[in-house]
Amino acid sequence: MSEMRNLLAIGEDKLEAVNRFLTARDNPLTDPLFAVIDKFGGPESINEQALAAGDPANLRDRLKEIDSPYLADLDWLAEQIDRKSFVDFADWCDARGVDPQQLNHQNAVTLEISALQFFPWLIAQARKAIDRRELMPGRVIRVRNMGEQSRDQGDIMATACAMRMIGATWVETLDTKGTDGSNIHLGGPETITGYFGGIGQPNDYALRWVEEALSYYTAYGTRQVLNINPGTVLLGYLLNKLGVDNEFKISVFMGNDNSYSVLWTLMTAKLFSRPDDTTSLIGFNLSNSVNNQTIKLASHIRRELGLEHKVRFEHHVTETWKSIVRQPYLRRDELVELAREVPNISAKHEGGDPEVERNRTHPSDVLDYFMAKDEIVAKGLMEAMEINYLDKHESVNRTAEALVKGGTAVVCAPHLHLA
């Protein structure tokens, strides 16, 4: 076996060949990437623009300029934070008979919710959390059309401002993907088998994805975006290695469903990491089909490559009731067991608990994410979809309670739930 192990070592000549290709002049793959970066002023300028654009004071000024109705909600949220209206984490634990000092904080699980489509839902969630002394998640995923939310009374800026106020991380989903018509072979259900290879970013869309990512990074400070394609994952690594402080998370839609696909992904992250070993891969959502053993193997890979505290595994506890998985889908008990061994996990809640969802007139549906706001309003679905989102919030808190009772701490919105 030792002879076989030695055969797996990558020879220096192979690495040199890759380096020669990457650094070659007139490279038809890297030169267009450099051109996009230069279009925004180069890495240093890009980072400076993003820092200024994402400053809450600047975001508020821009919201004032457009007379956004969301300013009042941000003022209300700021007031609640100042008044310490949200439950302290220690008090929340005490109400459940748990001593927070006895919890495993090293393996604390990040509470995650998806998808926050509209800023007002966040305010409704905050009101509920205050009234019921519940926890707000420490991580938020958005899947709303970027162009639409940019035009919607400052929704994108209000959300960015609120995320910084509550201390949560958040991810946006860019519009440059195959479902926008760029993959000419995809349509509705009659072409569903075409989706099996991934909706993708065909042809020139990988570079368009870079340009879109940089446009929102420099305009709003949107640092973390969703990634669904091997090509844009590689470009995300290259951007960071070239000096752009971008971050991304790999979507469940990429289908990483075994430990070898995890090795492929994390190995590339390591190879293109910066000298200090940081990488732009901030979150890694494995397939819904993985079991705990696969995640444990993935954790082994992550640890051995020195990425344990740099790349978070994002694992679905719940999924939307319709259009994505067979129901009932609920993996809370598996998560509680897994968290005892595997650090740096987030518990992602994409749906309410099955017992809640099955009784909803309009249960959560992943296809709702792709519905325009005008259509939602025209169909009278906005209230129902907000209820779906609040069901996910309830599921987040059920998971939080299960985790602490199982001995594992949780990461909630840090500026709201003071220890």
Protein backbone atom coordinates (compact mmCIF):
# COMPACT_ATOMS: atom_id res chain seq x y z
CA MET A 1 0.00 0.00 0.00
CA SER A 2 2.89 2.37 0.68
CA GLU A 3 3.92 2.11 -2.96
CA MET A 4 0.43 3.04 -4.08
CA ARG A 5 0.34 5.99 -1.68
CA ASN A 6 3.55 7.35 -3.15
CA LEU A 7 2.07 7.16 -6.63
CA LEU A 8 -0.59 9.71 -5.61
CA ALA A 9 1.94 12.47 -4.95
CA ILE A 10 1.72 15.32 -7.46
CA GLY A 11 5.07 15.80 -9.14
CA GLU A 12 6.73 19.18 -9.20
CA ASP A 13 6.82 19.03 -13.00
CA LYS A 14 3.01 18.76 -13.04
CA LEU A 15 2.67 21.80 -10.78
CA GLU A 16 5.16 23.69 -12.90
CA ALA A 17 3.09 22.93 -16.01
CA VAL A 18 -0.03 24.37 -14.35
CA ASN A 19 1.87 27.44 -13.16
CA ARG A 20 3.27 28.00 -16.65
CA PHE A 21 -0.22 27.92 -18.07
CA LEU A 22 -1.68 30.26 -15.45
CA THR A 23 1.10 32.84 -15.73
CA ALA A 24 1.56 32.72 -19.51
CA ARG A 25 1.20 35.91 -21.53
CA ASP A 26 -1.71 36.18 -23.95
CA ASN A 27 -3.62 33.52 -22.02
CA PRO A 28 -7.15 33.41 -23.47
CA LEU A 29 -8.60 32.39 -20.08
CA THR A 30 -6.81 34.62 -17.59
CA ASP A 31 -6.44 37.76 -19.69
CA PRO A 32 -10.23 38.33 -19.91
CA LEU A 33 -10.40 37.95 -16.11
CA PHE A 34 -7.71 40.59 -15.67
CA ALA A 35 -9.67 42.86 -18.01
CA VAL A 36 -12.81 42.60 -15.87
CA ILE A 37 -10.84 43.37 -12.72
CA ASP A 38 -9.15 46.34 -14.40
CA LYS A 39 -12.57 47.62 -15.49
CA PHE A 40 -13.37 48.16 -11.81
CA GLY A 41 -10.02 49.81 -11.06
CA GLY A 42 -7.94 46.83 -9.90
CA PRO A 43 -8.03 44.83 -6.64
CA GLU A 44 -7.03 47.62 -4.24
CA SER A 45 -9.58 50.05 -5.65
CA ILE A 46 -12.27 47.38 -5.71
CA ASN A 47 -11.79 46.63 -2.02
CA GLU A 48 -11.79 50.33 -1.13
CA GLN A 49 -15.00 50.92 -3.09
CA ALA A 50 -16.65 47.94 -1.40
CA LEU A 51 -15.65 49.07 2.07
CA ALA A 52 -17.15 52.52 1.52
CA ALA A 53 -20.26 51.21 -0.23
CA GLY A 54 -21.04 48.76 2.56
CA ASP A 55 -20.63 51.26 5.40
CA PRO A 56 -23.99 51.45 7.20
CA ALA A 57 -23.85 55.26 7.37
CA ASN A 58 -23.35 55.47 3.61
CA LEU A 59 -26.13 52.96 2.99
CA ARG A 60 -28.48 55.00 5.15
CA ASP A 61 -27.56 58.20 3.29
CA ARG A 62 -28.38 56.54 0.00
CA LEU A 63 -31.70 55.29 1.38
CA LYS A 64 -32.51 58.85 2.44
CA GLU A 65 -31.72 60.11 -1.04
CA ILE A 66 -34.38 57.84 -2.54
CA ASP A 67 -36.81 58.44 0.34
CA SER A 68 -36.92 54.73 1.12
CA PRO A 69 -39.76 53.56 3.38
CA TYR A 70 -37.31 51.06 4.88
CA LEU A 71 -35.45 53.75 6.81
CA ALA A 72 -38.15 53.79 9.47
CA ASP A 73 -37.73 50.03 9.92
CA LEU A 74 -33.99 50.42 10.29
CA ASP A 75 -34.54 53.14 12.88
CA TRP A 76 -36.89 50.80 14.76
CA LEU A 77 -34.31 48.00 14.62
CA ALA A 78 -31.56 50.30 15.88
CA GLU A 79 -33.80 51.37 18.76
CA GLN A 80 -34.48 47.75 19.73
CA ILE A 81 -30.76 46.97 19.68
CA ASP A 82 -30.03 50.00 21.89
CA ARG A 83 -32.81 49.01 24.29
CA LYS A 84 -31.52 45.41 24.38
CA SER A 85 -35.00 44.21 23.47
CA PHE A 86 -33.76 40.87 22.15
CA VAL A 87 -33.30 38.03 24.61
CA ASP A 88 -29.80 37.47 25.96
CA PHE A 89 -28.42 34.09 24.94
CA ALA A 90 -27.75 33.20 28.59
CA ASP A 91 -31.35 34.00 29.53
CA TRP A 92 -32.62 32.04 26.53
CA CYS A 93 -30.59 29.03 27.69
CA ASP A 94 -31.73 29.44 31.28
CA ALA A 95 -35.38 29.32 30.20
CA ARG A 96 -34.62 25.87 28.75
CA GLY A 97 -32.80 24.58 31.79
CA VAL A 98 -29.40 24.76 30.09
CA ASP A 99 -26.19 26.22 31.55
CA PRO A 100 -24.50 28.08 28.67
CA GLN A 101 -21.11 27.69 30.35
CA GLN A 102 -21.40 23.91 30.03
CA LEU A 103 -22.02 23.96 26.28
CA ASN A 104 -19.49 22.92 23.66
CA HIS A 105 -18.66 26.33 22.18
CA GLN A 106 -15.78 25.01 20.10
CA ASN A 107 -18.29 23.20 17.87
CA ALA A 108 -20.96 25.91 18.02
CA VAL A 109 -23.41 25.56 15.13
CA THR A 110 -24.34 28.67 13.15
CA LEU A 111 -28.11 29.15 12.84
CA GLU A 112 -28.93 29.80 9.18
CA ILE A 113 -32.15 30.70 7.35
CA SER A 114 -33.02 30.78 3.67
CA ALA A 115 -34.31 32.59 1.82
CA LEU A 116 -34.91 36.16 2.98
CA GLN A 117 -36.51 37.45 -0.21
CA PHE A 118 -37.81 40.80 1.04
CA PHE A 119 -36.46 43.18 3.66
CA PRO A 120 -39.83 43.62 5.45
CA TRP A 121 -39.77 39.92 6.30
CA LEU A 122 -36.66 40.52 8.40
CA ILE A 123 -38.49 43.15 10.42
CA ALA A 124 -41.46 40.82 10.89
CA GLN A 125 -39.01 38.14 12.04
CA ALA A 126 -37.34 40.54 14.49
CA ARG A 127 -40.69 41.54 15.98
CA LYS A 128 -41.58 37.90 16.45
CA ALA A 129 -38.21 37.16 18.04
CA ILE A 130 -38.69 39.99 20.53
CA ASP A 131 -42.29 39.07 21.38
CA ARG A 132 -41.53 35.38 21.84
CA ARG A 133 -37.97 35.78 23.19
CA GLU A 134 -36.53 33.77 20.33
CA LEU A 135 -33.14 33.76 18.63
CA MET A 136 -32.38 35.47 15.34
CA PRO A 137 -30.08 33.48 13.02
CA GLY A 138 -26.42 34.32 12.60
CA ARG A 139 -26.47 33.66 8.87
CA VAL A 140 -28.98 34.65 6.18
CA ILE A 141 -29.27 33.51 2.56
CA ARG A 142 -31.04 35.50 -0.16
CA VAL A 143 -32.14 34.19 -3.55
CA ARG A 144 -34.09 37.18 -4.85
CA ASN A 145 -33.34 38.58 -8.30
CA MET A 146 -30.54 41.11 -7.83
CA GLY A 147 -31.76 43.60 -10.40
CA GLU A 148 -35.25 43.60 -8.92
CA GLN A 149 -34.16 44.12 -5.33
CA SER A 150 -31.79 46.89 -6.42
CA ARG A 151 -34.76 48.78 -7.88
CA ASP A 152 -37.19 48.02 -5.03
CA GLN A 153 -37.05 51.13 -2.83
CA GLY A 154 -33.56 50.26 -1.61
CA ASP A 155 -34.35 46.69 -0.49
CA ILE A 156 -30.80 45.52 -1.19
CA MET A 157 -29.29 48.42 0.79
CA ALA A 158 -31.71 48.11 3.69
CA THR A 159 -30.94 44.41 4.01
CA ALA A 160 -27.19 45.00 3.83
CA CYS A 161 -27.48 47.68 6.51
CA ALA A 162 -29.61 45.47 8.75
CA MET A 163 -27.23 42.52 8.42
CA ARG A 164 -24.35 44.66 9.64
CA MET A 165 -26.50 46.04 12.45
CA ILE A 166 -27.40 42.59 13.78
CA GLY A 167 -23.94 41.14 13.09
CA ALA A 168 -25.10 38.35 10.78
CA THR A 169 -23.34 37.18 7.65
CA TRP A 170 -25.40 37.00 4.49
CA VAL A 171 -25.20 35.70 0.94
CA GLU A 172 -26.75 37.05 -2.25
CA THR A 173 -27.55 35.02 -5.37
CA LEU A 174 -26.40 36.60 -8.62
CA ASP A 175 -28.56 36.71 -11.74
CA THR A 176 -25.98 35.36 -14.20
CA LYS A 177 -27.05 31.73 -14.40
CA GLY A 178 -28.52 29.39 -16.96
CA THR A 179 -32.13 29.86 -15.93
CA ASP A 180 -32.10 33.39 -17.35
CA GLY A 181 -32.07 32.05 -20.90
CA SER A 182 -28.31 31.80 -21.38
CA ASN A 183 -28.63 28.01 -21.48
CA ILE A 184 -30.73 27.88 -24.65
CA HIS A 185 -31.68 24.24 -24.09
CA LEU A 186 -33.48 24.81 -20.79
CA GLY A 187 -37.16 25.57 -20.57
CA GLY A 188 -39.89 24.38 -18.24
CA PRO A 189 -40.72 20.86 -17.02
CA GLU A 190 -40.56 19.52 -20.58
CA THR A 191 -36.76 20.02 -20.53
CA ILE A 192 -36.18 18.95 -16.92
CA THR A 193 -33.51 16.38 -17.81
CA GLY A 194 -31.40 19.28 -19.10
CA TYR A 195 -31.08 20.49 -15.53
CA PHE A 196 -29.35 17.29 -14.41
CA GLY A 197 -26.01 18.65 -15.56
CA GLY A 198 -26.58 21.84 -13.58
CA ILE A 199 -28.23 25.04 -14.72
CA GLY A 200 -24.75 26.44 -14.99
CA GLN A 201 -23.16 29.55 -16.42
CA PRO A 202 -22.60 28.54 -20.05
CA ASN A 203 -20.04 29.99 -22.43
CA ASP A 204 -19.19 33.61 -21.50
CA TYR A 205 -21.40 33.63 -18.42
CA ALA A 206 -18.55 32.69 -16.09
CA LEU A 207 -16.91 36.05 -16.77
CA ARG A 208 -20.29 37.79 -16.64
CA TRP A 209 -20.68 36.27 -13.17
CA VAL A 210 -17.37 37.86 -12.14
CA GLU A 211 -18.48 41.21 -13.51
CA GLU A 212 -21.83 41.01 -11.73
CA ALA A 213 -20.18 39.97 -8.47
CA LEU A 214 -17.79 42.91 -8.64
CA SER A 215 -20.57 45.33 -9.55
CA TYR A 216 -22.57 44.51 -6.42
CA TYR A 217 -19.43 44.28 -4.29
CA THR A 218 -18.39 47.81 -5.26
CA ALA A 219 -21.92 49.26 -5.27
CA TYR A 220 -23.24 47.84 -1.98
CA GLY A 221 -20.36 46.04 -0.29
CA THR A 222 -21.99 42.68 -1.08
CA ARG A 223 -19.07 40.43 -0.26
CA GLN A 224 -20.57 36.94 -0.22
CA VAL A 225 -22.42 35.45 -3.19
CA LEU A 226 -23.74 32.02 -4.12
CA ASN A 227 -21.71 29.83 -6.44
CA ILE A 228 -23.20 26.99 -8.51
CA ASN A 229 -20.66 26.11 -11.19
CA PRO A 230 -17.12 24.64 -11.18
CA GLY A 231 -15.91 27.40 -13.50
CA THR A 232 -17.16 30.25 -11.34
CA VAL A 233 -15.87 28.48 -8.24
CA LEU A 234 -12.40 28.55 -9.81
CA LEU A 235 -12.85 32.18 -10.80
CA GLY A 236 -13.89 32.96 -7.23
CA TYR A 237 -10.59 31.49 -6.02
CA LEU A 238 -8.59 33.39 -8.64
CA LEU A 239 -10.24 36.71 -7.80
CA ASN A 240 -9.23 36.32 -4.18
CA LYS A 241 -5.70 35.21 -5.01
CA LEU A 242 -5.34 38.31 -7.20
CA GLY A 243 -6.17 40.53 -4.22
CA VAL A 244 -9.95 41.01 -4.29
CA ASP A 245 -11.46 40.38 -0.84
CA ASN A 246 -14.43 38.49 -2.24
CA GLU A 247 -16.12 35.49 -0.63
CA PHE A 248 -18.57 32.89 -1.85
CA LYS A 249 -20.49 29.83 -0.77
CA ILE A 250 -21.01 26.74 -2.87
CA SER A 251 -24.68 25.92 -3.36
CA VAL A 252 -26.42 22.62 -2.70
CA PHE A 253 -27.33 22.77 -6.40
CA MET A 254 -23.72 21.98 -7.31
CA GLY A 255 -24.33 18.45 -6.08
CA ASN A 256 -21.22 17.66 -4.00
CA ASP A 257 -22.51 14.37 -2.66
CA ASN A 258 -19.45 12.30 -1.69
CA SER A 259 -16.13 12.76 0.06
CA TYR A 260 -14.15 12.67 -3.19
CA SER A 261 -16.04 15.62 -4.63
CA VAL A 262 -15.34 17.41 -1.35
CA LEU A 263 -11.63 16.58 -1.72
CA TRP A 264 -11.65 18.01 -5.26
CA THR A 265 -13.27 21.24 -4.07
CA LEU A 266 -11.17 21.78 -0.95
CA MET A 267 -7.94 20.76 -2.68
CA THR A 268 -8.48 23.51 -5.23
CA ALA A 269 -9.31 25.97 -2.46
CA LYS A 270 -6.01 25.10 -0.79
CA LEU A 271 -3.98 25.35 -3.99
CA PHE A 272 -5.31 28.84 -4.74
CA SER A 273 -5.35 30.14 -1.17
CA ARG A 274 -3.39 33.25 -0.23
CA PRO A 275 -0.01 33.06 1.54
CA ASP A 276 -1.83 33.26 4.90
CA ASP A 277 -3.96 30.24 3.85
CA THR A 278 -7.18 32.26 3.62
CA THR A 279 -9.56 31.41 0.80
CA SER A 280 -12.63 32.99 -0.72
CA LEU A 281 -14.58 29.76 -0.15
CA ILE A 282 -16.43 30.71 3.03
CA GLY A 283 -19.32 28.22 2.93
CA PHE A 284 -19.71 24.77 1.42
CA ASN A 285 -23.22 23.34 1.06
CA LEU A 286 -23.05 19.61 0.36
CA SER A 287 -25.86 17.73 -1.38
CA ASN A 288 -29.03 16.90 0.55
CA SER A 289 -28.22 13.22 -0.06
CA VAL A 290 -25.08 13.12 2.09
CA ASN A 291 -25.17 11.25 5.37
CA ASN A 292 -23.29 12.00 8.59
CA GLN A 293 -20.43 9.67 7.70
CA THR A 294 -19.76 11.61 4.50
CA ILE A 295 -19.76 14.89 6.41
CA LYS A 296 -17.33 13.40 8.94
CA LEU A 297 -15.02 12.35 6.09
CA ALA A 298 -15.38 15.84 4.61
CA SER A 299 -14.44 17.27 7.99
CA HIS A 300 -11.32 15.08 8.02
CA ILE A 301 -10.30 16.45 4.61
CA ARG A 302 -10.98 20.02 5.68
CA ARG A 303 -8.92 19.63 8.86
CA GLU A 304 -5.96 17.96 7.13
CA LEU A 305 -5.83 20.75 4.54
CA GLY A 306 -5.83 23.42 7.25
CA LEU A 307 -9.26 24.77 6.30
CA GLU A 308 -11.31 23.75 9.34
CA HIS A 309 -11.79 27.30 10.62
CA LYS A 310 -11.91 28.89 7.18
CA VAL A 311 -14.61 26.90 5.35
CA ARG A 312 -18.01 26.36 6.97
CA PHE A 313 -20.08 23.29 6.08
CA GLU A 314 -23.67 24.40 5.50
CA HIS A 315 -26.10 21.54 6.04
CA HIS A 316 -29.85 21.57 5.37
CA VAL A 317 -31.95 20.70 8.40
CA THR A 318 -35.17 21.45 6.52
CA GLU A 319 -36.05 22.06 2.87
CA THR A 320 -38.96 23.75 1.14
CA TRP A 321 -42.01 21.52 1.17
CA LYS A 322 -42.33 21.53 -2.61
CA SER A 323 -40.13 21.21 -5.70
CA ILE A 324 -36.76 20.14 -4.30
CA VAL A 325 -36.76 16.97 -2.12
CA ARG A 326 -39.03 14.12 -1.12
CA GLN A 327 -40.88 15.01 2.05
CA PRO A 328 -40.87 14.72 4.97
CA TYR A 329 -37.30 16.02 5.16
CA LEU A 330 -36.03 16.82 8.66
CA ARG A 331 -32.44 16.18 9.76
CA ARG A 332 -32.36 17.83 13.16
CA ASP A 333 -31.50 14.69 15.13
CA GLU A 334 -28.66 13.88 12.72
CA LEU A 335 -27.32 17.40 13.14
CA VAL A 336 -27.32 17.21 16.95
CA GLU A 337 -25.28 14.02 16.74
CA LEU A 338 -22.94 15.39 14.07
CA ALA A 339 -22.24 18.63 15.92
CA ARG A 340 -20.66 16.73 18.79
CA GLU A 341 -17.81 15.74 16.46
CA VAL A 342 -17.67 18.20 13.57
CA PRO A 343 -16.91 21.90 14.13
CA ASN A 344 -17.78 24.90 11.95
CA ILE A 345 -21.20 23.81 10.68
CA SER A 346 -24.24 25.89 9.95
CA ALA A 347 -27.75 24.52 10.27
CA LYS A 348 -29.60 25.73 7.22
CA HIS A 349 -33.39 26.03 7.35
CA GLU A 350 -34.97 26.25 3.92
CA GLY A 351 -38.43 25.23 5.08
CA GLY A 352 -40.60 24.89 8.15
CA ASP A 353 -40.88 21.63 10.03
CA PRO A 354 -42.89 19.03 8.07
CA GLU A 355 -45.67 18.95 10.65
CA VAL A 356 -46.18 22.68 10.07
CA GLU A 357 -45.69 22.74 6.30
CA ARG A 358 -48.16 19.95 5.50
CA ASN A 359 -50.99 21.97 7.00
CA ARG A 360 -50.27 25.25 5.19
CA THR A 361 -52.64 26.36 2.45
CA HIS A 362 -49.56 27.61 0.63
CA PRO A 363 -46.58 25.54 1.82
CA SER A 364 -43.07 26.69 0.99
CA ASP A 365 -41.94 26.06 -2.57
CA VAL A 366 -38.42 26.57 -3.93
CA LEU A 367 -39.96 27.78 -7.22
CA ASP A 368 -41.38 30.76 -5.33
CA TYR A 369 -37.83 32.11 -5.14
CA PHE A 370 -37.89 32.77 -8.86
CA MET A 371 -41.21 34.60 -8.89
CA ALA A 372 -41.06 38.35 -9.48
CA LYS A 373 -42.47 40.63 -6.80
CA ASP A 374 -45.14 42.00 -9.16
CA GLU A 375 -46.36 38.46 -9.80
CA ILE A 376 -46.38 37.62 -6.10
CA VAL A 377 -48.46 40.71 -5.34
CA ALA A 378 -50.77 40.08 -8.29
CA LYS A 379 -51.43 36.53 -7.08
CA GLY A 380 -51.96 37.69 -3.50
CA LEU A 381 -49.16 35.47 -2.20
CA MET A 382 -46.98 37.94 -0.29
CA GLU A 383 -48.58 37.26 3.09
CA ALA A 384 -48.49 33.48 2.55
CA MET A 385 -44.83 33.58 1.58
CA GLU A 386 -43.99 35.71 4.61
CA ILE A 387 -45.69 33.07 6.76
CA ASN A 388 -43.49 30.45 5.05
CA TYR A 389 -40.43 32.49 6.01
CA LEU A 390 -41.58 32.81 9.62
CA ASP A 391 -42.15 29.04 9.70
CA LYS A 392 -38.47 28.70 8.88
CA HIS A 393 -37.66 31.06 11.74
CA GLU A 394 -39.62 28.78 14.08
CA SER A 395 -37.68 25.82 12.74
CA VAL A 396 -34.41 27.65 13.42
CA ASN A 397 -35.39 28.02 17.05
CA ARG A 398 -36.44 24.38 17.35
CA THR A 399 -33.01 23.41 16.09
CA ALA A 400 -31.30 25.82 18.47
CA GLU A 401 -33.14 24.28 21.40
CA ALA A 402 -32.31 20.74 20.30
CA LEU A 403 -28.64 21.62 19.94
CA VAL A 404 -28.20 23.26 23.34
CA LYS A 405 -30.10 20.46 25.06
CA GLY A 406 -27.71 18.12 23.28
CA GLY A 407 -24.75 20.04 24.69
CA THR A 408 -23.72 22.15 21.68
CA ALA A 409 -23.72 25.94 21.56
CA VAL A 410 -25.21 27.91 18.67
CA VAL A 411 -24.19 31.06 16.79
CA CYS A 412 -27.07 33.50 16.58
CA ALA A 413 -27.06 37.17 15.55
CA PRO A 414 -24.21 38.37 17.78
CA HIS A 415 -25.27 42.02 18.13
CA LEU A 416 -28.75 41.04 19.31
CA HIS A 417 -28.28 38.19 21.74
CA LEU A 418 -25.55 39.27 24.09
CA ALA A 419 -23.93 36.55 26.17
